[in-house]
Amino acid sequence: MKTPPPTLPSYYVGLMSGTSLDGIDAALVAITPHSPPKLIATYALPMPQSLHNLLLSLCHAKQVSFAALAEAESAFCQLQANAVNALLAQQQISPAQIHAIGSHGQTIEHAPSGHHGGPAYTLQLDNPSLLAELTGCTVVADFRRRDLAAGGQAAPLAPAFHQALFGRQQSEQLVLNLGGFANLTWLPSDTSIPALGFDTGPANVLLDAWFSKHHNGRFDQNGVWATGGQIDQALLARLLNEPFFHQPPPRSTGRELFHLAWLENKLTGNESAEDVQATLAELTAISVAQGIQHLPIASNRMTLIACGGGAHNAYLMARLATHLPNAAFKSPADLGWPEDWIEAGAFAWLAHQRLHNLPGNLPSVTGASGPRVLGGIYAH
């Protein structure tokens, strides 16, 4: 009896910029049936300050011109293409060897409940047709709107990838993504129980905005500035009074709710800048801990896998450890996926799901009426 030939992996590139607007992350991912996705190589391309400012202005604009949208979309797409082409050149891989690029696009506004009684919507700035032309690769994009059409929040989408990546272990696991916003994924050990996930609130988005207002830089390295401050309990109470923190899942959020003006409206003017930074880190830690209370966690001891840029913030991680004394923190790097690359990897995996007509959402996470195949295909 002949041994069947080994199944060769297929290669995908996942692209993510996230709410931090700091650059394009491009992840080369190998996917083999019946095996967890494998991270092969990465490339990070910083975002020019001019594009960062333009995208940020669009996120908070009350009125937007089509010309401004077109300018931002074109520049963003070119930056994505540059990241992909650099990654492929670095690995000496031709575009023909890539099954597809999974492009999340840049979220400009996310309103899964609509505004003032209007329809639900989520807007990601992207141009997959141009990206296919600039890279020579098939592109899969527009992942969120099919889940939204099925009555879901369209976010978070990463929990489905967390499930595929980390699988079901003998004990339940929590995956905490600390990007611009924080989201949780609960992976129960019992495979008959669906995974759960939701946004818990802001992570880096307010920390970065407040730091940039007072310093020449985009983020508080290792939380050093926050370490010099004291937690302002009165301010913390005002921040936690936001109705979002009291909503049951499914739930998702974004810059349309949590932004610098939202924070400044909560200030009395007597707070020190360092104290505000420390309090914002505490807000993230407490909102994560409160979010975990929505989960049917069975054991007293939980494994928590922290990823995203916030996982490098020593002060924030210390505050999380204080509020989660029963959590055993684990780095995803121990499983072959460094903290900064899981989000980009998720969109490589979602592109694979789309090409194989497989669902990319988890209805237990987003609240959609059922599993859906996500994204549109832009063949090269």
Protein backbone atom coordinates (compact mmCIF):
# COMPACT_ATOMS: atom_id res chain seq x y z
CA MET A 1 0.00 0.00 0.00
CA LYS A 2 1.49 3.29 -1.08
CA THR A 3 1.87 6.13 1.39
CA PRO A 4 -0.07 9.18 0.15
CA PRO A 5 2.16 12.10 -0.81
CA PRO A 6 2.45 14.81 1.84
CA THR A 7 0.07 17.73 1.55
CA LEU A 8 1.96 20.84 0.55
CA PRO A 9 1.20 24.10 2.32
CA SER A 10 -0.44 27.02 0.56
CA TYR A 11 0.93 30.51 1.13
CA TYR A 12 -1.03 33.62 2.03
CA VAL A 13 -0.15 37.17 3.05
CA GLY A 14 -2.19 38.90 5.73
CA LEU A 15 -2.25 42.70 6.01
CA MET A 16 -3.20 44.74 9.05
CA SER A 17 -2.71 48.35 10.10
CA GLY A 18 -5.19 48.50 12.96
CA THR A 19 -6.49 51.47 14.91
CA SER A 20 -2.98 52.49 15.95
CA LEU A 21 -2.32 53.76 12.41
CA ASP A 22 1.41 53.21 12.92
CA GLY A 23 2.16 51.12 9.85
CA ILE A 24 1.38 48.08 7.73
CA ASP A 25 2.05 44.61 9.14
CA ALA A 26 2.49 41.97 6.43
CA ALA A 27 2.59 38.33 7.54
CA LEU A 28 3.50 35.41 5.28
CA VAL A 29 1.51 32.40 6.48
CA ALA A 30 1.63 28.74 5.44
CA ILE A 31 -1.63 26.84 5.74
CA THR A 32 -1.80 23.06 5.55
CA PRO A 33 -5.08 21.16 6.02
CA HIS A 34 -5.63 19.76 9.52
CA SER A 35 -2.70 21.72 10.97
CA PRO A 36 -2.51 25.10 12.72
CA PRO A 37 -1.44 28.00 10.47
CA LYS A 38 2.30 28.61 10.53
CA LEU A 39 3.98 32.02 10.49
CA ILE A 40 6.80 31.99 7.92
CA ALA A 41 8.00 35.60 7.73
CA THR A 42 6.97 39.15 8.57
CA TYR A 43 7.54 42.66 7.34
CA ALA A 44 6.57 45.89 9.11
CA LEU A 45 6.41 49.10 7.08
CA PRO A 46 5.99 52.31 9.13
CA MET A 47 3.22 54.67 8.10
CA PRO A 48 4.35 58.14 6.97
CA GLN A 49 3.22 60.86 9.35
CA SER A 50 1.29 62.60 6.58
CA LEU A 51 -0.82 59.50 5.89
CA HIS A 52 -1.24 58.85 9.63
CA ASN A 53 -2.59 62.40 10.06
CA LEU A 54 -4.88 62.12 7.04
CA LEU A 55 -6.41 58.82 8.16
CA LEU A 56 -6.84 60.09 11.71
CA SER A 57 -8.61 63.20 10.44
CA LEU A 58 -11.00 61.03 8.40
CA CYS A 59 -11.82 58.93 11.46
CA HIS A 60 -13.04 62.01 13.31
CA ALA A 61 -14.36 64.18 10.49
CA LYS A 62 -17.99 65.27 10.59
CA GLN A 63 -17.94 65.79 6.84
CA VAL A 64 -15.62 64.04 4.38
CA SER A 65 -14.96 64.84 0.74
CA PHE A 66 -14.70 62.09 -1.85
CA ALA A 67 -11.37 63.57 -2.93
CA ALA A 68 -9.94 63.16 0.58
CA LEU A 69 -11.18 59.58 0.74
CA ALA A 70 -9.65 58.81 -2.65
CA GLU A 71 -6.33 60.39 -1.68
CA ALA A 72 -6.14 58.42 1.56
CA GLU A 73 -7.25 55.17 -0.05
CA SER A 74 -4.69 55.44 -2.84
CA ALA A 75 -1.82 56.23 -0.47
CA PHE A 76 -2.89 53.48 1.94
CA CYS A 77 -3.12 50.93 -0.87
CA GLN A 78 0.32 51.89 -2.20
CA LEU A 79 1.78 51.44 1.28
CA GLN A 80 0.15 47.99 1.53
CA ALA A 81 1.59 47.03 -1.85
CA ASN A 82 5.04 48.24 -0.81
CA ALA A 83 4.85 46.05 2.29
CA VAL A 84 3.78 42.98 0.32
CA ASN A 85 6.39 43.46 -2.38
CA ALA A 86 9.14 43.98 0.19
CA LEU A 87 8.09 40.85 2.07
CA LEU A 88 8.08 38.72 -1.08
CA ALA A 89 11.45 40.12 -2.19
CA GLN A 90 12.89 39.45 1.27
CA GLN A 91 11.79 35.81 1.06
CA GLN A 92 12.58 35.45 -2.66
CA ILE A 93 9.00 34.42 -3.37
CA SER A 94 7.15 35.32 -6.56
CA PRO A 95 3.57 36.63 -6.55
CA ALA A 96 2.52 33.46 -8.39
CA GLN A 97 3.38 31.44 -5.28
CA ILE A 98 0.91 33.41 -3.14
CA HIS A 99 -2.61 32.02 -3.15
CA ALA A 100 -4.06 35.30 -1.94
CA ILE A 101 -3.54 38.44 0.10
CA GLY A 102 -6.02 39.00 2.90
CA SER A 103 -6.51 42.76 3.29
CA HIS A 104 -8.44 44.10 6.27
CA GLY A 105 -8.28 47.71 5.09
CA GLN A 106 -8.21 50.70 7.41
CA THR A 107 -11.30 51.15 9.56
CA ILE A 108 -12.61 54.70 9.31
CA GLU A 109 -15.83 54.17 11.24
CA HIS A 110 -17.54 51.19 12.83
CA ALA A 111 -21.22 51.51 13.75
CA PRO A 112 -22.75 48.03 14.10
CA SER A 113 -25.84 49.54 15.73
CA GLY A 114 -26.08 52.46 13.32
CA HIS A 115 -26.40 56.11 14.31
CA HIS A 116 -29.60 57.88 15.36
CA GLY A 117 -31.79 55.02 14.16
CA GLY A 118 -29.98 54.63 10.83
CA PRO A 119 -28.72 51.39 9.31
CA ALA A 120 -25.76 49.49 10.73
CA TYR A 121 -22.50 50.02 8.88
CA THR A 122 -18.77 49.50 9.05
CA LEU A 123 -16.36 51.30 6.73
CA GLN A 124 -12.87 50.04 5.92
CA LEU A 125 -10.84 52.17 3.52
CA ASP A 126 -9.35 49.78 0.95
CA ASN A 127 -8.82 49.30 -2.78
CA PRO A 128 -8.35 45.57 -3.39
CA SER A 129 -8.56 45.99 -7.17
CA LEU A 130 -5.57 48.34 -7.15
CA LEU A 131 -3.73 46.14 -4.64
CA ALA A 132 -4.09 43.18 -7.01
CA GLU A 133 -2.62 45.27 -9.82
CA LEU A 134 0.29 46.57 -7.71
CA THR A 135 1.27 43.18 -6.30
CA GLY A 136 0.34 40.67 -8.99
CA CYS A 137 -1.57 38.66 -6.38
CA THR A 138 -5.21 37.72 -5.89
CA VAL A 139 -6.69 39.79 -3.07
CA VAL A 140 -9.48 38.96 -0.64
CA ALA A 141 -11.02 41.96 1.12
CA ASP A 142 -14.22 43.38 2.63
CA PHE A 143 -14.43 40.74 5.36
CA ARG A 144 -16.72 42.52 7.78
CA ARG A 145 -19.86 43.47 5.92
CA ARG A 146 -21.21 39.95 5.30
CA ASP A 147 -21.30 39.29 9.05
CA LEU A 148 -22.97 42.67 9.53
CA ALA A 149 -25.56 41.79 6.87
CA ALA A 150 -26.31 38.60 8.82
CA GLY A 151 -27.13 40.64 11.91
CA GLY A 152 -23.68 40.45 13.51
CA GLN A 153 -21.37 43.08 14.93
CA ALA A 154 -18.82 42.40 12.16
CA ALA A 155 -16.22 42.37 14.93
CA PRO A 156 -14.14 41.02 16.42
CA LEU A 157 -13.16 38.59 13.64
CA ALA A 158 -9.87 37.41 15.15
CA PRO A 159 -11.49 34.92 17.60
CA ALA A 160 -12.16 32.46 14.76
CA PHE A 161 -8.45 32.56 13.94
CA HIS A 162 -7.53 32.23 17.61
CA GLN A 163 -9.58 29.03 17.66
CA ALA A 164 -7.83 27.70 14.56
CA LEU A 165 -4.41 28.76 15.80
CA PHE A 166 -4.43 27.71 19.44
CA GLY A 167 -6.98 24.94 19.13
CA ARG A 168 -8.77 23.30 22.00
CA GLN A 169 -6.44 22.32 24.81
CA GLN A 170 -7.06 20.19 27.90
CA SER A 171 -7.76 23.37 29.84
CA GLU A 172 -9.67 26.47 28.80
CA GLN A 173 -7.72 29.42 27.43
CA LEU A 174 -8.19 33.14 27.10
CA VAL A 175 -6.64 35.13 24.26
CA LEU A 176 -6.37 38.85 24.95
CA ASN A 177 -5.56 41.14 22.06
CA LEU A 178 -4.28 44.54 23.19
CA GLY A 179 -4.29 46.58 20.00
CA GLY A 180 -5.89 49.99 19.69
CA PHE A 181 -8.82 48.28 21.35
CA ALA A 182 -8.87 45.21 23.55
CA ASN A 183 -10.79 42.07 22.74
CA LEU A 184 -11.08 38.72 24.46
CA THR A 185 -11.47 35.22 23.08
CA TRP A 186 -12.51 32.37 25.36
CA LEU A 187 -11.58 28.89 24.11
CA PRO A 188 -13.24 26.23 26.29
CA SER A 189 -11.63 22.80 26.49
CA ASP A 190 -14.98 21.15 25.71
CA THR A 191 -15.33 21.19 21.92
CA SER A 192 -19.13 21.01 22.19
CA ILE A 193 -19.16 24.50 23.71
CA PRO A 194 -18.76 27.41 21.26
CA ALA A 195 -15.92 29.85 21.69
CA LEU A 196 -16.87 33.33 22.84
CA GLY A 197 -15.32 36.74 22.26
CA PHE A 198 -15.99 40.47 22.32
CA ASP A 199 -14.37 43.89 22.62
CA THR A 200 -13.74 44.95 26.20
CA GLY A 201 -12.91 48.60 25.44
CA PRO A 202 -9.93 50.80 24.64
CA ALA A 203 -6.38 49.49 24.97
CA ASN A 204 -3.72 51.56 23.23
CA VAL A 205 -5.97 54.05 21.45
CA LEU A 206 -6.39 56.44 24.41
CA LEU A 207 -2.94 55.77 25.85
CA ASP A 208 -1.34 56.66 22.51
CA ALA A 209 -3.52 59.72 21.93
CA TRP A 210 -2.80 61.16 25.38
CA PHE A 211 0.93 60.43 25.08
CA SER A 212 1.12 62.07 21.64
CA LYS A 213 -0.62 65.16 22.98
CA HIS A 214 2.16 65.66 25.55
CA HIS A 215 5.24 64.13 23.91
CA ASN A 216 6.96 63.95 20.57
CA GLY A 217 6.10 60.34 19.80
CA ARG A 218 3.24 57.97 19.12
CA PHE A 219 3.28 55.73 22.20
CA ASP A 220 4.51 55.36 25.77
CA GLN A 221 7.41 52.89 25.46
CA ASN A 222 6.98 50.13 28.08
CA GLY A 223 4.53 52.36 29.94
CA VAL A 224 7.42 54.34 31.45
CA TRP A 225 5.49 57.62 31.54
CA ALA A 226 2.44 55.98 33.11
CA THR A 227 4.67 54.45 35.78
CA GLY A 228 5.46 57.95 37.06
CA GLY A 229 1.78 58.74 37.61
CA GLN A 230 -0.84 57.82 40.18
CA ILE A 231 -4.23 56.30 39.41
CA ASP A 232 -6.92 58.97 39.78
CA GLN A 233 -9.86 57.03 41.24
CA ALA A 234 -12.39 59.82 40.64
CA LEU A 235 -11.40 60.08 36.96
CA LEU A 236 -11.42 56.29 36.64
CA ALA A 237 -14.98 56.17 37.94
CA ARG A 238 -16.08 58.76 35.37
CA LEU A 239 -14.44 56.80 32.57
CA LEU A 240 -15.97 53.50 33.66
CA ASN A 241 -19.39 55.15 33.74
CA GLU A 242 -19.49 54.91 29.92
CA PRO A 243 -22.52 52.72 29.00
CA PHE A 244 -20.43 50.53 26.68
CA PHE A 245 -18.67 48.95 29.65
CA HIS A 246 -22.01 47.76 31.01
CA GLN A 247 -23.35 46.21 27.78
CA PRO A 248 -23.48 42.42 27.59
CA PRO A 249 -21.81 40.70 24.61
CA PRO A 250 -21.91 40.57 21.68
CA ARG A 251 -20.31 43.98 21.51
CA SER A 252 -17.65 45.84 19.56
CA THR A 253 -16.38 49.41 19.51
CA GLY A 254 -13.90 51.78 17.89
CA ARG A 255 -12.62 55.33 17.53
CA GLU A 256 -16.12 56.67 16.93
CA LEU A 257 -16.72 56.24 20.69
CA PHE A 258 -13.32 56.22 22.41
CA HIS A 259 -11.07 59.07 21.28
CA LEU A 260 -9.14 62.01 22.70
CA ALA A 261 -12.16 64.32 22.86
CA TRP A 262 -14.11 61.65 24.78
CA LEU A 263 -11.30 61.53 27.34
CA GLU A 264 -10.92 65.31 27.59
CA ASN A 265 -14.64 65.67 28.28
CA LYS A 266 -14.12 63.51 31.39
CA LEU A 267 -11.32 65.69 32.79
CA THR A 268 -11.77 68.46 35.34
CA GLY A 269 -8.55 70.19 34.33
CA ASN A 270 -6.85 69.59 37.65
CA GLU A 271 -5.32 66.21 36.78
CA SER A 272 -1.62 65.82 36.08
CA ALA A 273 -0.80 64.41 32.65
CA GLU A 274 1.10 61.46 34.15
CA ASP A 275 -1.83 60.60 36.41
CA VAL A 276 -4.18 60.55 33.43
CA GLN A 277 -1.85 58.15 31.62
CA ALA A 278 -1.70 55.83 34.62
CA THR A 279 -5.48 56.00 34.93
CA LEU A 280 -5.96 55.11 31.25
CA ALA A 281 -3.85 51.97 31.73
CA GLU A 282 -6.00 51.13 34.76
CA LEU A 283 -9.12 51.65 32.65
CA THR A 284 -7.90 49.03 30.17
CA ALA A 285 -6.95 46.58 32.92
CA ILE A 286 -10.23 46.91 34.80
CA SER A 287 -12.41 46.78 31.68
CA VAL A 288 -10.65 43.56 30.63
CA ALA A 289 -11.17 42.08 34.11
CA GLN A 290 -14.83 43.12 34.06
CA GLY A 291 -15.22 41.64 30.59
CA ILE A 292 -13.93 38.28 31.79
CA GLN A 293 -16.81 38.21 34.25
CA HIS A 294 -19.15 37.74 31.25
CA LEU A 295 -17.44 34.43 30.44
CA PRO A 296 -18.47 31.05 31.90
CA ILE A 297 -14.95 30.25 33.06
CA ALA A 298 -14.97 26.95 34.93
CA SER A 299 -11.54 26.78 36.54
CA ASN A 300 -9.93 28.93 39.21
CA ARG A 301 -6.72 29.08 37.20
CA MET A 302 -6.84 30.35 33.62
CA THR A 303 -4.21 30.50 30.88
CA LEU A 304 -4.14 33.96 29.30
CA ILE A 305 -2.32 34.51 26.00
CA ALA A 306 -1.65 38.23 25.57
CA CYS A 307 -0.94 39.63 22.10
CA GLY A 308 -0.91 42.95 20.29
CA GLY A 309 1.23 46.02 20.93
CA GLY A 310 -0.09 46.45 24.46
CA ALA A 311 1.54 43.16 25.46
CA HIS A 312 4.88 45.05 25.36
CA ASN A 313 3.65 47.70 27.82
CA ALA A 314 5.17 46.54 31.11
CA TYR A 315 3.04 48.88 33.23
CA LEU A 316 -0.20 47.81 31.57
CA MET A 317 0.68 44.12 31.91
CA ALA A 318 1.48 44.63 35.60
CA ARG A 319 -1.93 46.23 36.17
CA LEU A 320 -3.61 43.35 34.34
CA ALA A 321 -1.76 40.86 36.54
CA THR A 322 -3.00 42.73 39.62
CA HIS A 323 -6.62 42.48 38.51
CA LEU A 324 -6.30 38.90 37.22
CA PRO A 325 -4.50 37.09 40.05
CA ASN A 326 -5.72 33.68 38.83
CA ALA A 327 -4.33 34.12 35.32
CA ALA A 328 -1.19 32.38 34.14
CA PHE A 329 0.15 34.72 31.45
CA LYS A 330 1.62 33.01 28.40
CA SER A 331 3.33 34.50 25.37
CA PRO A 332 2.04 33.42 21.95
CA ALA A 333 5.69 33.47 20.86
CA ASP A 334 6.04 30.18 22.74
CA LEU A 335 3.62 28.77 20.16
CA GLY A 336 5.42 30.25 17.16
CA TRP A 337 3.43 33.46 16.87
CA PRO A 338 5.05 36.64 18.27
CA GLU A 339 2.65 39.06 19.95
CA ASP A 340 2.63 41.60 17.12
CA TRP A 341 1.71 39.27 14.26
CA ILE A 342 -1.48 37.47 15.20
CA GLU A 343 -3.82 40.11 13.78
CA ALA A 344 -2.09 40.14 10.38
CA GLY A 345 -2.04 36.36 10.46
CA ALA A 346 -5.79 36.32 11.04
CA PHE A 347 -6.44 37.98 7.68
CA ALA A 348 -4.17 35.58 5.85
CA TRP A 349 -6.25 32.76 7.37
CA LEU A 350 -9.50 34.53 6.50
CA ALA A 351 -8.34 34.79 2.88
CA HIS A 352 -7.76 31.02 2.92
CA GLN A 353 -11.24 30.47 4.34
CA ARG A 354 -12.77 32.58 1.56
CA LEU A 355 -10.96 30.81 -1.26
CA HIS A 356 -12.17 27.47 0.11
CA ASN A 357 -15.73 28.72 0.72
CA LEU A 358 -15.42 28.12 4.47
CA PRO A 359 -16.96 30.31 7.19
CA GLY A 360 -14.76 33.04 8.66
CA ASN A 361 -16.98 34.27 11.49
CA LEU A 362 -18.08 32.80 14.80
CA PRO A 363 -21.77 33.59 15.38
CA SER A 364 -21.24 33.03 19.12
CA VAL A 365 -18.83 35.99 18.99
CA THR A 366 -20.39 38.46 16.57
CA GLY A 367 -24.06 37.62 17.09
CA ALA A 368 -24.61 36.87 13.39
CA SER A 369 -27.54 34.60 12.52
CA GLY A 370 -25.15 31.87 11.38
CA PRO A 371 -21.73 31.01 9.96
CA ARG A 372 -20.87 33.03 6.87
CA VAL A 373 -18.19 32.97 4.18
CA LEU A 374 -16.56 36.39 4.48
CA GLY A 375 -14.91 38.63 1.90
CA GLY A 376 -14.84 39.27 -1.81
CA ILE A 377 -12.24 37.87 -4.23
CA TYR A 378 -10.32 40.17 -6.58
CA ALA A 379 -8.47 37.76 -8.84
CA HIS A 380 -5.27 38.89 -10.49
